[in-house]
C-alpha atoms as a PDB file:
ATOM      1  CA  GLY A   1     -12.756   7.239  12.090  1.00  0.00           C
ATOM      2  CA  ASN A   2     -14.957   9.195  14.306  1.00  0.00           C
ATOM      3  CA  LEU A   3     -12.707  12.633  13.474  1.00  0.00           C
ATOM      4  CA  LYS A   4     -15.219  13.483  10.758  1.00  0.00           C
ATOM      5  CA  SER A   5     -14.719  17.668  11.100  1.00  0.00           C
ATOM      6  CA  LEU A   6     -10.609  16.939  11.297  1.00  0.00           C
ATOM      7  CA  VAL A   7      -9.543  19.103   8.551  1.00  0.00           C
ATOM      8  CA  PHE A   8      -5.662  19.761   9.709  1.00  0.00           C
ATOM      9  CA  LEU A   9      -3.356  17.442  11.020  1.00  0.00           C
ATOM     10  CA  ASN A  10       0.072  17.742  12.516  1.00  0.00           C
ATOM     11  CA  VAL A  11       1.897  14.773  13.591  1.00  0.00           C
ATOM     12  CA  ARG A  12       5.387  16.387  12.690  1.00  0.00           C
ATOM     13  CA  ASP A  13       8.386  15.509  14.699  1.00  0.00           C
ATOM     14  CA  ASN A  14       7.793  11.764  16.081  1.00  0.00           C
ATOM     15  CA  GLN A  15       8.605   8.801  15.507  1.00  0.00           C
ATOM     16  CA  LEU A  16       6.134   7.171  13.262  1.00  0.00           C
ATOM     17  CA  ASP A  17       6.782   4.878  10.936  1.00  0.00           C
ATOM     18  CA  MET A  18       3.846   3.854   9.804  1.00  0.00           C
ATOM     19  CA  LEU A  19       0.113   6.016   9.106  1.00  0.00           C
ATOM     20  CA  PRO A  20      -2.862   3.967   9.621  1.00  0.00           C
ATOM     21  CA  PRO A  21      -5.265   3.447   6.642  1.00  0.00           C
ATOM     22  CA  HIS A  22      -7.900   4.550   8.575  1.00  0.00           C
ATOM     23  CA  ILE A  23      -6.549   8.108   8.384  1.00  0.00           C
ATOM     24  CA  GLY A  24      -7.902   7.683   4.704  1.00  0.00           C
ATOM     25  CA  ASN A  25     -11.154   7.862   5.654  1.00  0.00           C
ATOM     26  CA  LEU A  26     -10.833  11.365   7.091  1.00  0.00           C
ATOM     27  CA  ASN A  27     -12.644  13.014   4.153  1.00  0.00           C
ATOM     28  CA  MET A  28     -12.433  16.745   5.672  1.00  0.00           C
ATOM     29  CA  LEU A  29      -8.980  16.118   5.894  1.00  0.00           C
ATOM     30  CA  ARG A  30      -7.030  19.051   3.718  1.00  0.00           C
ATOM     31  CA  GLU A  31      -3.516  19.042   5.180  1.00  0.00           C
ATOM     32  CA  LEU A  32      -1.412  16.647   6.704  1.00  0.00           C
ATOM     33  CA  ILE A  33       2.474  17.144   8.161  1.00  0.00           C
ATOM     34  CA  LEU A  34       4.038  14.657   8.627  1.00  0.00           C
ATOM     35  CA  ASP A  35       7.527  16.286   8.532  1.00  0.00           C
ATOM     36  CA  GLN A  36      10.592  14.515  10.989  1.00  0.00           C
ATOM     37  CA  ASN A  37       9.538  10.824  11.151  1.00  0.00           C
ATOM     38  CA  PRO A  38      10.783   7.859  10.055  1.00  0.00           C
ATOM     39  CA  LEU A  39       7.884   6.942   7.700  1.00  0.00           C
ATOM     40  CA  LEU A  40       8.490   3.655   6.038  1.00  0.00           C
ATOM     41  CA  ALA A  41       4.755   3.414   5.040  1.00  0.00           C
ATOM     42  CA  PRO A  42       3.412   5.012   2.906  1.00  0.00           C
ATOM     43  CA  PRO A  43       6.481   5.027   0.938  1.00  0.00           C
ATOM     44  CA  GLN A  44       8.516   8.299   0.127  1.00  0.00           C
ATOM     45  CA  GLU A  45       6.934   7.989  -3.906  1.00  0.00           C
ATOM     46  CA  ILE A  46       3.445   8.701  -2.119  1.00  0.00           C
ATOM     47  CA  VAL A  47       4.473  10.730   0.812  1.00  0.00           C
ATOM     48  CA  SER A  48       6.307  13.472  -2.056  1.00  0.00           C
ATOM     49  CA  GLY A  49       3.069  13.782  -3.141  1.00  0.00           C
ATOM     50  CA  GLY A  50       1.412  15.533  -0.622  1.00  0.00           C
ATOM     51  CA  THR A  51      -1.200  15.272   1.260  1.00  0.00           C
ATOM     52  CA  ASP A  52      -4.267  14.361  -1.509  1.00  0.00           C
ATOM     53  CA  ALA A  53      -2.217  11.348  -2.682  1.00  0.00           C
ATOM     54  CA  ILE A  54      -1.033  10.319   0.849  1.00  0.00           C
ATOM     55  CA  LEU A  55      -4.945  10.047   1.900  1.00  0.00           C
ATOM     56  CA  GLU A  56      -5.737   8.369  -1.422  1.00  0.00           C
ATOM     57  CA  TYR A  57      -3.386   5.861  -0.778  1.00  0.00           C
ATOM     58  CA  LEU A  58      -4.332   5.269   2.742  1.00  0.00           C
ATOM     59  CA  ARG A  59      -7.925   5.011   1.059  1.00  0.00           C
ATOM     60  CA  ARG A  60      -7.051   2.340  -1.035  1.00  0.00           C
ATOM     61  CA  PHE A  61      -5.457  -0.082   2.285  1.00  0.00           C
ATOM     62  CA  SER A  62      -8.404   0.699   4.282  1.00  0.00           C
ATOM     63  CA  GLU A  63     -11.172  -0.189   1.124  1.00  0.00           C
ATOM     64  CA  ALA A  64      -9.159  -3.436   0.444  1.00  0.00           C
ATOM     65  CA  ASP A  65     -10.099  -4.193   3.840  1.00  0.00           C
ATOM     66  CA  LYS A  66     -13.647  -4.604   3.013  1.00  0.00           C
ATOM     67  CA  THR A  67     -13.297  -5.673  -0.959  1.00  0.00           C
ATOM     68  CA  GLY A  68     -10.323  -7.711  -1.067  1.00  0.00           C
ATOM     69  CA  THR A  69      -9.345  -5.709  -3.526  1.00  0.00           C
ATOM     70  CA  LEU A  70      -6.068  -3.380  -3.402  1.00  0.00           C
ATOM     71  CA  LYS A  71      -5.565  -1.295  -6.466  1.00  0.00           C
ATOM     72  CA  LEU A  72      -1.940   0.699  -6.379  1.00  0.00           C
ATOM     73  CA  ILE A  73      -1.636   1.033 -10.392  1.00  0.00           C
ATOM     74  CA  GLY A  74       0.452   3.718 -11.636  1.00  0.00           C
ATOM     75  CA  LEU A  75       1.810   5.342  -8.611  1.00  0.00           C
ATOM     76  CA  ASN A  76       5.390   5.321  -9.660  1.00  0.00           C
ATOM     77  CA  LEU A  77       6.467   2.685  -6.764  1.00  0.00           C
ATOM     78  CA  THR A  78       9.770   1.560  -6.178  1.00  0.00           C
ATOM     79  CA  SER A  79       8.821  -1.946  -4.228  1.00  0.00           C
ATOM     80  CA  LEU A  80       6.194  -3.399  -2.512  1.00  0.00           C
ATOM     81  CA  PRO A  81       4.529  -1.226   0.351  1.00  0.00           C
ATOM     82  CA  ARG A  82       5.881  -2.491   3.749  1.00  0.00           C
ATOM     83  CA  GLU A  83       2.080  -3.193   4.335  1.00  0.00           C
ATOM     84  CA  ILE A  84       0.947  -5.838   2.183  1.00  0.00           C
ATOM     85  CA  PRO A  85       1.998  -8.753   3.919  1.00  0.00           C
ATOM     86  CA  PHE A  86       0.114  -7.969   6.531  1.00  0.00           C
ATOM     87  CA  LEU A  87      -3.368  -7.973   4.497  1.00  0.00           C
ATOM     88  CA  THR A  88      -3.917 -11.352   4.557  1.00  0.00           C
ATOM     89  CA  GLY A  89      -7.289 -11.284   3.609  1.00  0.00           C
ATOM     90  CA  VAL A  90      -6.632  -9.591   0.468  1.00  0.00           C
ATOM     91  CA  THR A  91      -7.574 -11.290  -2.723  1.00  0.00           C
ATOM     92  CA  GLU A  92      -6.623  -9.614  -5.689  1.00  0.00           C
ATOM     93  CA  LEU A  93      -3.469  -7.335  -5.740  1.00  0.00           C
ATOM     94  CA  MET A  94      -2.665  -4.888  -8.409  1.00  0.00           C
ATOM     95  CA  LEU A  95       0.421  -3.402  -8.639  1.00  0.00           C
ATOM     96  CA  THR A  96       0.259  -2.638 -12.899  1.00  0.00           C
ATOM     97  CA  ASN A  97       2.484   0.258 -13.929  1.00  0.00           C
ATOM     98  CA  ASN A  98       4.846   1.016 -11.423  1.00  0.00           C
ATOM     99  CA  SER A  99       8.723   0.676 -11.074  1.00  0.00           C
ATOM    100  CA  ILE A 100       9.005  -2.518  -8.836  1.00  0.00           C
ATOM    101  CA  THR A 101      12.066  -4.336  -9.033  1.00  0.00           C
ATOM    102  CA  GLU A 102      11.710  -6.987  -6.721  1.00  0.00           C
ATOM    103  CA  LEU A 103       8.855  -8.877  -3.940  1.00  0.00           C
ATOM    104  CA  PRO A 104       9.997  -9.731  -0.961  1.00  0.00           C
ATOM    105  CA  LEU A 105       9.896 -12.933   1.170  1.00  0.00           C
ATOM    106  CA  GLU A 106       7.047 -12.120   2.674  1.00  0.00           C
ATOM    107  CA  ILE A 107       4.502 -12.055  -0.410  1.00  0.00           C
ATOM    108  CA  GLY A 108       3.849 -15.765   0.698  1.00  0.00           C
ATOM    109  CA  SER A 109       2.340 -15.129   3.115  1.00  0.00           C
ATOM    110  CA  LEU A 110      -0.942 -13.859   1.246  1.00  0.00           C
ATOM    111  CA  THR A 111      -2.165 -17.270   1.291  1.00  0.00           C
ATOM    112  CA  SER A 112      -6.104 -15.740   0.311  1.00  0.00           C
ATOM    113  CA  LEU A 113      -4.075 -14.349  -2.941  1.00  0.00           C
ATOM    114  CA  LYS A 114      -6.050 -15.529  -6.201  1.00  0.00           C
ATOM    115  CA  ARG A 115      -4.625 -12.522  -8.335  1.00  0.00           C
ATOM    116  CA  LEU A 116      -1.758 -11.192  -8.652  1.00  0.00           C
ATOM    117  CA  ARG A 117      -1.236  -8.065 -11.567  1.00  0.00           C
ATOM    118  CA  LEU A 118       2.484  -6.950 -11.715  1.00  0.00           C
ATOM    119  CA  ASP A 119       2.759  -6.639 -15.229  1.00  0.00           C
ATOM    120  CA  LYS A 120       4.711  -3.413 -16.882  1.00  0.00           C
ATOM    121  CA  ASN A 121       6.819  -3.219 -13.706  1.00  0.00           C
ATOM    122  CA  LYS A 122      10.952  -3.835 -13.821  1.00  0.00           C
ATOM    123  CA  LEU A 123      11.034  -7.454 -11.807  1.00  0.00           C
ATOM    124  CA  GLN A 124      14.371  -9.133 -11.893  1.00  0.00           C
ATOM    125  CA  ALA A 125      13.265 -12.058 -10.143  1.00  0.00           C
ATOM    126  CA  ILE A 126      10.468 -13.994  -8.181  1.00  0.00           C
ATOM    127  CA  PRO A 127      11.144 -14.974  -4.768  1.00  0.00           C
ATOM    128  CA  HIS A 128      10.530 -19.135  -4.241  1.00  0.00           C
ATOM    129  CA  THR A 129       8.065 -17.672  -1.574  1.00  0.00           C
ATOM    130  CA  LEU A 130       5.145 -16.669  -4.104  1.00  0.00           C
ATOM    131  CA  ALA A 131       4.953 -20.718  -4.181  1.00  0.00           C
ATOM    132  CA  ASP A 132       3.151 -20.444  -0.798  1.00  0.00           C
ATOM    133  CA  CYS A 133       0.067 -18.190  -2.393  1.00  0.00           C
ATOM    134  CA  MET A 134      -1.664 -21.308  -2.459  1.00  0.00           C
ATOM    135  CA  GLU A 135      -4.750 -20.044  -3.767  1.00  0.00           C
ATOM    136  CA  LEU A 136      -3.290 -17.899  -6.638  1.00  0.00           C
ATOM    137  CA  GLU A 137      -5.317 -18.078  -9.956  1.00  0.00           C
ATOM    138  CA  GLU A 138      -3.907 -16.035 -11.506  1.00  0.00           C
ATOM    139  CA  LEU A 139      -0.330 -14.123 -12.208  1.00  0.00           C
ATOM    140  CA  MET A 140       0.374 -11.550 -14.734  1.00  0.00           C
ATOM    141  CA  LEU A 141       4.076 -10.034 -15.197  1.00  0.00           C
END
């Protein structure tokens, strides 16, 4: 972003349901106030970790746009983040060592996905839409 000197961002008491990934690129940002927003993304597991955790999470999504790889390893996620089905250019999705119990049907929208790592989670079922990931070469459960 162009706000390279921004150190404090208060978006309290708005109607934000998602934070844009480019906020993660604000390297000088030290305090982010999100109270009283109906946030769905980042997930609560990340938000409860504070500003640094939120920025790191958003940074990973921003990097995924450039590299095609999204690494969300060991973040105690209980569900697939809502942003993921919109990342149609992602070729590698690493969600190892979380507490994810199910995948949404929208996982099938990741038609460029080649590698999907979901080992060390708590999956109870795999949706049939995973078959729509026609480029998938490697699946670790």
